[in-house]
Amino acid sequence: QVQLVESGGGLVQPGGSLRLSCAASGDIKNVFAMGWYRQAPGHQRTLVAAITKSGRVNYADSVKGRFIISNDTGTNTLVLQMDSLKPEDTAVYFCSYVLEIRGPRYDFWGPGTQVTVSS
């Protein structure tokens, strides 16, 4: 089992910055990928940014050039640095780990953290 807890959300003005963190604990071996997703009211959960075990990084087009995903292996913390925030970035942000265990892959999710961009 893997436990994920997000932090760092809050209210910020347009153009501002936030830094989200995801603390991972438990049996976090065999990580295939890690990522951040978001879900706005009335919308589906969508990918924001992800890192695969090979080190490949992928961003949603809407956040390219503004968000940076990184992983601190020493503290098992996944970070999403968000700059130049826009009102349309308002959503609940979720951390996700995908573990590959003897073939099958398993998804683990945190409870989410609210990000609100508003003046």
Protein backbone atom coordinates (compact mmCIF):
# COMPACT_ATOMS: atom_id res chain seq x y z
CA GLN A 1 0.00 0.00 0.00
CA VAL A 2 1.02 3.56 -0.68
CA GLN A 3 -0.20 6.63 1.18
CA LEU A 4 -0.14 10.01 -0.54
CA VAL A 5 -0.87 13.35 1.07
CA GLU A 6 -0.95 16.61 -0.86
CA SER A 7 -0.26 20.04 0.61
CA GLY A 8 0.38 23.58 -0.54
CA GLY A 9 -2.96 24.49 -2.05
CA GLY A 10 -4.76 27.73 -1.30
CA LEU A 11 -6.07 31.00 -2.67
CA VAL A 12 -3.81 33.02 -4.94
CA GLN A 13 -4.30 36.00 -7.24
CA PRO A 14 -3.93 35.65 -11.01
CA GLY A 15 -0.27 35.76 -11.96
CA GLY A 16 0.77 34.36 -8.61
CA SER A 17 2.54 31.14 -7.69
CA LEU A 18 1.93 28.08 -5.57
CA ARG A 19 4.05 25.06 -4.78
CA LEU A 20 2.24 21.78 -4.26
CA SER A 21 3.88 18.88 -2.47
CA CYS A 22 2.89 15.23 -2.31
CA ALA A 23 4.40 13.20 0.51
CA ALA A 24 4.54 9.49 -0.23
CA SER A 25 4.86 6.76 2.37
CA GLY A 26 4.42 3.02 2.60
CA ASP A 27 5.59 0.41 0.13
CA ILE A 28 6.72 2.74 -2.66
CA LYS A 29 8.97 0.39 -4.56
CA ASN A 30 8.44 -0.32 -8.26
CA VAL A 31 7.09 3.11 -9.13
CA PHE A 32 6.20 3.21 -12.83
CA ALA A 33 5.05 6.83 -12.93
CA MET A 34 4.09 9.76 -10.72
CA GLY A 35 1.87 12.64 -11.61
CA TRP A 36 -0.41 15.52 -10.78
CA TYR A 37 -4.01 15.66 -11.95
CA ARG A 38 -6.72 18.23 -11.42
CA GLN A 39 -10.48 18.31 -11.40
CA ALA A 40 -12.59 21.43 -11.65
CA PRO A 41 -16.29 21.43 -10.68
CA GLY A 42 -18.36 19.77 -13.39
CA HIS A 43 -15.31 18.51 -15.23
CA GLN A 44 -13.41 15.25 -15.44
CA ARG A 45 -10.09 14.71 -13.74
CA THR A 46 -7.28 15.50 -16.21
CA LEU A 47 -3.53 15.11 -16.28
CA VAL A 48 -1.48 18.18 -15.38
CA ALA A 49 2.05 16.75 -15.35
CA ALA A 50 3.73 13.38 -14.96
CA ILE A 51 7.14 11.75 -14.61
CA THR A 52 7.81 8.17 -15.69
CA LYS A 53 10.39 5.85 -14.16
CA SER A 54 12.58 6.47 -17.21
CA GLY A 55 12.60 10.17 -16.38
CA ARG A 56 10.33 11.29 -19.18
CA VAL A 57 8.24 14.32 -18.24
CA ASN A 58 4.88 15.16 -19.77
CA TYR A 59 2.78 18.30 -19.33
CA ALA A 60 -0.72 19.27 -20.35
CA ASP A 61 -0.56 21.89 -23.11
CA SER A 62 -2.41 24.36 -20.90
CA VAL A 63 0.37 24.42 -18.29
CA LYS A 64 3.51 24.12 -20.43
CA GLY A 65 5.98 26.86 -19.61
CA ARG A 66 4.20 27.70 -16.34
CA PHE A 67 4.30 24.52 -14.24
CA ILE A 68 7.27 22.33 -13.35
CA ILE A 69 7.05 18.83 -11.88
CA SER A 70 9.92 17.37 -9.90
CA ASN A 71 10.61 14.47 -7.59
CA ASP A 72 12.78 14.49 -4.48
CA THR A 73 13.78 10.85 -4.08
CA GLY A 74 15.49 11.56 -0.78
CA THR A 75 12.25 12.60 0.90
CA ASN A 76 9.80 10.77 -1.41
CA THR A 77 8.12 14.06 -2.23
CA LEU A 78 6.59 14.93 -5.57
CA VAL A 79 6.45 18.66 -6.20
CA LEU A 80 4.48 20.80 -8.63
CA GLN A 81 5.73 24.37 -8.94
CA MET A 82 2.97 26.50 -10.45
CA ASP A 83 3.74 29.99 -11.74
CA SER A 84 1.74 32.57 -13.68
CA LEU A 85 -1.46 31.06 -12.36
CA LYS A 86 -4.72 31.75 -14.17
CA PRO A 87 -8.33 31.55 -12.98
CA GLU A 88 -8.78 28.50 -15.20
CA ASP A 89 -6.19 26.67 -13.10
CA THR A 90 -8.71 26.61 -10.26
CA ALA A 91 -9.37 22.99 -9.32
CA VAL A 92 -8.70 20.27 -6.80
CA TYR A 93 -5.23 18.92 -7.47
CA PHE A 94 -4.49 15.24 -6.89
CA CYS A 95 -1.21 13.39 -6.62
CA SER A 96 -0.98 9.95 -8.23
CA TYR A 97 1.53 7.12 -8.11
CA VAL A 98 1.40 4.14 -10.47
CA LEU A 99 3.18 1.06 -9.19
CA GLU A 100 4.12 -1.87 -11.42
CA ILE A 101 4.10 -5.05 -9.33
CA ARG A 102 5.06 -8.25 -11.15
CA GLY A 103 3.33 -7.10 -14.30
CA PRO A 104 0.06 -5.36 -13.36
CA ARG A 105 -0.04 -1.65 -12.57
CA TYR A 106 -1.83 -0.18 -9.60
CA ASP A 107 -2.96 3.43 -9.13
CA PHE A 108 -2.78 5.23 -5.81
CA TRP A 109 -4.27 8.66 -5.15
CA GLY A 110 -4.07 11.33 -2.52
CA PRO A 111 -7.19 13.08 -1.16
CA GLY A 112 -6.45 16.26 -3.10
CA THR A 113 -5.73 19.89 -2.31
CA GLN A 114 -7.80 22.87 -3.44
CA VAL A 115 -6.21 25.55 -5.62
CA THR A 116 -8.23 28.71 -6.21
CA VAL A 117 -6.98 31.46 -8.50
CA SER A 118 -9.05 34.58 -8.07
CA SER A 119 -8.72 38.30 -7.53
